[in-house]
Protein backbone atom coordinates (compact mmCIF):
# COMPACT_ATOMS: atom_id res chain seq x y z
CA UNK A 1 0.30 0.08 0.11
CA UNK A 2 2.36 2.17 -1.44
CA UNK A 3 0.25 5.56 -0.65
CA UNK A 4 0.52 5.33 2.96
CA UNK A 5 2.35 8.26 4.80
CA UNK A 6 4.69 7.63 7.71
CA UNK A 7 2.71 5.90 10.81
CA UNK A 8 1.87 8.55 13.57
CA UNK A 9 1.81 6.06 15.97
CA UNK A 10 4.98 3.60 15.25
CA UNK A 11 6.66 6.42 14.98
CA UNK A 12 6.05 7.62 18.66
CA UNK A 13 6.73 4.14 19.63
CA UNK A 14 9.91 3.71 17.66
CA UNK A 15 11.45 6.45 20.54
CA UNK A 16 9.07 5.57 23.81
CA UNK A 17 8.01 2.87 25.05
CA UNK A 18 4.24 3.63 25.44
CA UNK A 19 1.87 6.35 23.55
CA UNK A 20 -0.39 8.41 26.09
CA UNK A 21 -3.63 9.01 25.66
CA UNK A 22 -5.95 11.20 26.82
CA UNK A 23 -9.08 10.55 28.92
CA UNK A 24 -12.75 11.34 29.27
CA UNK A 25 -13.67 14.29 27.04
CA UNK A 26 -17.22 14.45 28.37
CA UNK A 27 -16.26 14.16 32.15
CA UNK A 28 -13.93 16.93 31.77
CA UNK A 29 -16.92 19.25 30.19
CA UNK A 30 -19.06 17.94 33.05
CA UNK A 31 -16.62 19.57 35.46
CA UNK A 32 -17.03 22.97 33.76
CA UNK A 33 -20.63 23.33 34.64
CA UNK A 34 -21.90 21.46 31.56
CA UNK A 35 -25.17 19.32 31.47
CA UNK A 36 -24.78 16.35 28.45
CA UNK A 37 -27.48 14.54 29.21
CA UNK A 38 -28.52 15.01 25.72
CA UNK A 39 -28.64 12.53 22.39
CA UNK A 40 -25.40 14.37 20.88
CA UNK A 41 -23.52 14.25 24.21
CA UNK A 42 -19.98 16.21 23.87
CA UNK A 43 -20.69 17.06 20.54
CA UNK A 44 -23.31 19.61 21.73
CA UNK A 45 -20.67 21.45 23.36
CA UNK A 46 -19.61 22.29 19.54
CA UNK A 47 -22.69 24.56 19.18
CA UNK A 48 -23.00 26.08 22.21
CA UNK A 49 -19.20 26.34 23.54
CA UNK A 50 -16.58 25.02 21.38
CA UNK A 51 -13.80 27.15 23.89
CA UNK A 52 -14.52 24.64 26.50
CA UNK A 53 -13.83 21.64 24.08
CA UNK A 54 -10.20 23.54 23.45
CA UNK A 55 -9.51 24.20 26.96
CA UNK A 56 -10.00 20.39 27.69
CA UNK A 57 -7.99 19.16 24.92
CA UNK A 58 -4.94 21.43 26.46
CA UNK A 59 -5.59 19.95 29.96
CA UNK A 60 -4.63 16.93 28.89
CA UNK A 61 -1.93 17.98 26.67
CA UNK A 62 -0.39 19.73 30.21
CA UNK A 63 -1.55 16.31 31.49
CA UNK A 64 0.69 14.72 29.73
CA UNK A 65 -1.09 13.34 26.83
CA UNK A 66 0.36 12.89 23.32
CA UNK A 67 -2.64 12.02 21.46
CA UNK A 68 -5.94 13.95 22.26
CA UNK A 69 -9.11 12.16 20.35
CA UNK A 70 -11.65 14.49 19.15
CA UNK A 71 -14.64 15.71 20.50
CA UNK A 72 -16.43 14.08 17.35
CA UNK A 73 -17.38 10.73 18.97
CA UNK A 74 -20.98 11.38 18.77
CA UNK A 75 -21.16 13.68 15.96
CA UNK A 76 -23.30 12.43 12.79
CA UNK A 77 -25.12 14.07 10.06
CA UNK A 78 -28.46 11.84 11.31
CA UNK A 79 -27.90 13.21 14.90
CA UNK A 80 -27.32 16.84 13.91
CA UNK A 81 -30.45 16.56 11.44
CA UNK A 82 -32.51 16.32 14.70
CA UNK A 83 -31.18 19.58 15.43
CA UNK A 84 -32.06 21.01 12.43
CA UNK A 85 -28.71 21.51 11.27
CA UNK A 86 -28.05 20.48 7.55
CA UNK A 87 -25.34 18.27 6.41
CA UNK A 88 -23.25 20.62 5.10
CA UNK A 89 -22.90 22.62 8.46
CA UNK A 90 -22.77 19.38 10.13
CA UNK A 91 -19.81 18.01 8.08
CA UNK A 92 -18.30 21.79 9.29
CA UNK A 93 -18.67 20.79 13.11
CA UNK A 94 -17.20 17.63 12.37
CA UNK A 95 -14.34 19.10 10.96
CA UNK A 96 -14.14 21.35 14.16
CA UNK A 97 -13.25 19.23 16.17
CA UNK A 98 -10.17 18.51 14.44
CA UNK A 99 -9.55 22.16 14.76
CA UNK A 100 -9.96 22.58 18.56
CA UNK A 101 -7.38 19.87 18.91
CA UNK A 102 -5.19 20.94 16.53
CA UNK A 103 -5.41 24.64 18.31
CA UNK A 104 -5.05 23.23 21.91
CA UNK A 105 -1.75 21.52 20.51
CA UNK A 106 0.06 23.91 19.18
CA UNK A 107 -1.14 26.68 21.46
CA UNK A 108 0.49 24.06 24.07
CA UNK A 109 3.60 23.09 22.16
CA UNK A 110 4.66 26.52 21.47
CA UNK A 111 4.47 26.64 25.47
CA UNK A 112 6.93 23.19 25.70
CA UNK A 113 10.05 23.26 26.96
CA UNK A 114 10.62 19.80 27.85
CA UNK A 115 12.66 17.33 25.28
CA UNK A 116 11.32 14.40 26.99
CA UNK A 117 8.03 14.34 25.01
CA UNK A 118 6.84 13.49 21.40
CA UNK A 119 4.99 16.14 19.74
CA UNK A 120 1.50 15.36 20.18
CA UNK A 121 -1.09 13.85 17.26
CA UNK A 122 -4.55 14.16 17.05
CA UNK A 123 -6.80 11.25 16.58
CA UNK A 124 -9.97 11.82 15.29
CA UNK A 125 -12.86 9.87 17.19
CA UNK A 126 -15.53 7.70 14.77
CA UNK A 127 -17.87 6.19 17.86
CA UNK A 128 -20.19 3.35 16.84
CA UNK A 129 -23.74 3.43 15.02
CA UNK A 130 -24.84 2.49 18.82
CA UNK A 131 -23.54 5.84 19.95
CA UNK A 132 -25.88 7.64 17.72
CA UNK A 133 -28.99 6.04 18.80
CA UNK A 134 -28.21 7.08 22.31
CA UNK A 135 -29.35 4.43 24.08
CA UNK A 136 -26.40 2.27 25.22
CA UNK A 137 -26.34 0.31 22.42
CA UNK A 138 -22.60 0.68 21.99
CA UNK A 139 -22.36 -1.60 25.43
CA UNK A 140 -25.07 -4.40 23.24
CA UNK A 141 -24.23 -4.49 19.86
CA UNK A 142 -27.85 -5.49 19.25
CA UNK A 143 -28.75 -2.63 16.48
CA UNK A 144 -29.81 -4.45 13.50
CA UNK A 145 -28.81 -2.77 9.78
CA UNK A 146 -26.85 -3.71 7.48
CA UNK A 147 -23.70 -3.33 6.07
CA UNK A 148 -24.29 -1.00 3.69
CA UNK A 149 -26.11 1.25 5.71
CA UNK A 150 -23.44 1.36 8.06
CA UNK A 151 -21.27 2.16 5.73
CA UNK A 152 -23.57 4.96 3.85
CA UNK A 153 -23.71 6.22 7.92
CA UNK A 154 -19.95 6.43 8.46
CA UNK A 155 -18.62 7.59 5.43
CA UNK A 156 -18.83 11.44 5.71
CA UNK A 157 -17.93 11.32 9.34
CA UNK A 158 -14.79 9.55 8.00
CA UNK A 159 -14.06 12.04 5.21
CA UNK A 160 -14.60 14.87 6.98
CA UNK A 161 -12.08 14.12 9.95
CA UNK A 162 -9.48 13.08 7.15
CA UNK A 163 -10.16 16.33 5.20
CA UNK A 164 -9.61 18.02 8.55
CA UNK A 165 -6.38 16.93 9.12
CA UNK A 166 -6.35 14.21 11.67
CA UNK A 167 -2.83 12.50 12.04
CA UNK A 168 -4.96 9.48 12.69
CA UNK A 169 -8.52 7.79 13.43
CA UNK A 170 -10.21 6.35 16.28
CA UNK A 171 -12.40 3.93 15.66
CA UNK A 172 -13.44 3.21 19.36
CA UNK A 173 -16.10 2.07 21.21
CA UNK A 174 -17.04 -0.76 18.41
CA UNK A 175 -19.14 -3.43 19.89
CA UNK A 176 -20.03 -5.64 17.16
CA UNK A 177 -17.77 -7.45 14.72
CA UNK A 178 -19.95 -5.84 11.58
CA UNK A 179 -19.13 -3.07 12.05
CA UNK A 180 -15.23 -3.33 12.72
CA UNK A 181 -15.29 -4.88 9.24
CA UNK A 182 -17.61 -2.69 7.83
CA UNK A 183 -14.84 0.74 9.17
CA UNK A 184 -11.61 -1.13 7.72
CA UNK A 185 -13.24 -1.88 5.01
CA UNK A 186 -14.24 1.90 4.59
CA UNK A 187 -10.26 3.14 5.09
CA UNK A 188 -9.67 1.75 1.61
CA UNK A 189 -11.45 5.10 0.51
CA UNK A 190 -8.96 6.69 2.57
CA UNK A 191 -5.93 5.13 1.89
CA UNK A 192 -3.30 7.33 3.17
CA UNK A 193 -5.01 7.00 6.66
CA UNK A 194 -4.40 5.37 9.75
CA UNK A 195 -6.68 4.09 12.00
CA UNK A 196 -7.02 2.25 15.18
CA UNK A 197 -10.25 0.01 16.28
CA UNK A 198 -11.20 -0.36 19.75
CA UNK A 199 -14.07 -2.93 21.27
CA UNK A 200 -16.39 -3.16 23.88
CA UNK A 201 -16.62 -5.85 26.04
CA UNK A 202 -19.16 -8.62 27.24
CA UNK A 203 -15.87 -10.40 29.32
CA UNK A 204 -12.27 -10.49 29.02
CA UNK A 205 -12.91 -12.77 25.62
CA UNK A 206 -15.58 -11.53 24.11
CA UNK A 207 -16.86 -8.36 22.89
CA UNK A 208 -20.17 -7.03 23.34
CA UNK A 209 -22.08 -8.81 20.58
CA UNK A 210 -21.02 -12.02 21.56
CA UNK A 211 -18.26 -12.34 18.84
CA UNK A 212 -14.86 -13.98 20.41
CA UNK A 213 -11.79 -11.37 20.72
CA UNK A 214 -9.47 -13.25 19.25
CA UNK A 215 -11.65 -13.44 16.11
CA UNK A 216 -11.65 -9.95 15.48
CA UNK A 217 -8.14 -9.29 15.95
CA UNK A 218 -7.32 -12.36 13.40
CA UNK A 219 -9.84 -10.49 11.24
CA UNK A 220 -8.33 -7.45 10.89
CA UNK A 221 -4.68 -7.79 11.76
CA UNK A 222 -3.47 -7.82 8.14
CA UNK A 223 -5.25 -4.50 7.26
CA UNK A 224 -2.34 -2.42 6.91
CA UNK A 225 -4.10 0.86 7.33
CA UNK A 226 -5.43 -0.03 11.00
CA UNK A 227 -2.31 0.77 13.19
CA UNK A 228 -3.30 -0.78 16.49
CA UNK A 229 -5.90 -3.35 17.83
CA UNK A 230 -7.47 -3.42 21.53
CA UNK A 231 -9.96 -2.24 24.08
CA UNK A 232 -11.61 0.65 25.26
CA UNK A 233 -14.90 2.07 27.91
CA UNK A 234 -14.96 -1.14 29.26
CA UNK A 235 -14.44 -2.18 32.70
CA UNK A 236 -10.64 -2.12 34.26
CA UNK A 237 -10.89 -6.34 34.88
CA UNK A 238 -12.29 -7.06 31.48
CA UNK A 239 -10.17 -4.76 29.97
CA UNK A 240 -6.85 -6.37 30.99
CA UNK A 241 -8.08 -9.68 30.45
CA UNK A 242 -8.59 -8.22 27.20
CA UNK A 243 -4.72 -7.80 26.59
CA UNK A 244 -3.91 -11.20 26.67
CA UNK A 245 -6.54 -11.98 24.13
CA UNK A 246 -5.26 -9.39 21.46
CA UNK A 247 -1.66 -10.18 22.43
CA UNK A 248 -1.62 -13.66 21.16
CA UNK A 249 -3.25 -12.77 18.06
CA UNK A 250 -0.67 -10.03 16.38
CA UNK A 251 1.96 -7.96 16.29
CA UNK A 252 0.35 -4.04 16.63
CA UNK A 253 0.31 -2.36 19.15
CA UNK A 254 -2.20 -2.60 21.43
CA UNK A 255 -4.85 -0.52 22.69
CA UNK A 256 -6.36 0.19 25.88
CA UNK A 257 -8.40 2.75 27.42
CA UNK A 258 -10.84 1.42 29.85
CA UNK A 259 -13.14 3.19 32.29
CA UNK A 260 -12.52 4.32 35.67
CA UNK A 261 -14.05 1.72 37.20
CA UNK A 262 -18.09 2.89 37.80
CA UNK A 263 -20.45 1.11 35.79
CA UNK A 264 -23.25 3.04 33.19
CA UNK A 265 -26.45 2.56 33.87
CA UNK A 266 -28.02 3.31 30.08
CA UNK A 267 -31.71 4.03 31.21
CA UNK A 268 -30.72 6.43 33.51
CA UNK A 269 -27.31 8.03 31.88
CA UNK A 270 -26.04 7.76 35.19
CA UNK A 271 -22.66 6.12 36.73
CA UNK A 272 -22.56 3.78 39.89
CA UNK A 273 -20.08 2.16 41.69
CA UNK A 274 -16.42 3.59 43.13
CA UNK A 275 -13.01 3.95 40.62
CA UNK A 276 -10.87 1.08 41.00
CA UNK A 277 -8.63 0.89 44.42
CA UNK A 278 -5.26 0.61 41.95
CA UNK A 279 -3.91 4.02 40.87
CA UNK A 280 -4.05 4.46 36.92
CA UNK A 281 -0.44 4.41 37.05
CA UNK A 282 0.53 1.62 39.21
CA UNK A 283 -2.07 -0.35 36.77
CA UNK A 284 -0.75 0.94 33.59
CA UNK A 285 2.73 -0.96 34.35
CA UNK A 286 0.78 -4.02 34.47
CA UNK A 287 -0.76 -3.40 31.13
CA UNK A 288 2.32 -2.99 29.95
CA UNK A 289 3.40 -6.10 30.70
CA UNK A 290 0.52 -7.69 28.87
CA UNK A 291 1.36 -6.17 26.00
CA UNK A 292 -0.01 -2.38 25.82
CA UNK A 293 1.75 -0.04 24.13
CA UNK A 294 -0.93 3.27 23.66
CA UNK A 295 -2.51 3.48 27.25
CA UNK A 296 -5.06 6.26 28.08
CA UNK A 297 -8.74 6.21 30.22
CA UNK A 298 -11.83 6.58 28.89
CA UNK A 299 -15.28 6.95 30.99
CA UNK A 300 -14.71 9.37 33.90
CA UNK A 301 -10.90 9.42 34.18
CA UNK A 302 -9.59 12.77 34.30
CA UNK A 303 -6.14 14.75 33.84
CA UNK A 304 -5.12 13.44 37.04
CA UNK A 305 -5.44 9.97 35.84
CA UNK A 306 -3.05 11.09 32.74
CA UNK A 307 -1.06 13.03 34.46
CA UNK A 308 -0.15 10.11 37.21
CA UNK A 309 0.30 7.67 33.58
CA UNK A 310 2.83 10.50 32.87
CA UNK A 311 4.76 10.93 35.51
CA UNK A 312 5.69 6.81 35.74
CA UNK A 313 6.24 6.75 31.93
CA UNK A 314 7.94 10.23 30.99
């Protein structure tokens, strides 16, 4: 695949033991006083106050993140259409998620004097179809749609993020084997683009729709554009167990960014339980030993979690 540019993830991993991801975007936006109980979730802030998104990205860079994941996870043409936003504007809003992350990165990098970290990269987030449904389907994968439908749903999002200059795509929180294959196939339409694919889990060996994780990795591991495989937005014990499964199936860098330890109730849109007792920095060493090379946090994590990882690894 001669058109592929240099892989931004492997470029960092050639010089550093791990690539540090950011943490939860929505959690931090809420900490600024915003209510995200909305079908658009954090994408709603693109309409209301995009500056706070830039600030959250900046805070994660300051905490040590080598990669910002854009606020486009739940940004879709269909979702914006329900707000009366036409397709052209919706696509511009998706592109804006990359612009905001780049602005935060560039502002931070101008101030950064350290020589012991890579220049951060921007990952354009493409959440699953289930995220658009806003009913917790990304943790079940029980939506019944065709490959063609999923392709048409995801294509304009992918194109917008690529055109906006995302360094890599984050095909994240994927609950179904079907959707992972559709997204991997769609990458071929953007031959100069790399992406990671990370799944949600039913347990440590099975993704949300019931497919064995090893089967998913086996299917995707030979795709040159898929730069990393792993898990996100899952409980820490399941995510940690899954690392062993992925490690046996591929030599690609393994990615893990689990939730803080609390459990999400899709019916009430609330979180319950406690954070994991073991600090994230300690767990990052365990994950590294299990094969992870791209490490961060998902729901309910914060810049403090990322800073703790940074202090251990930088």
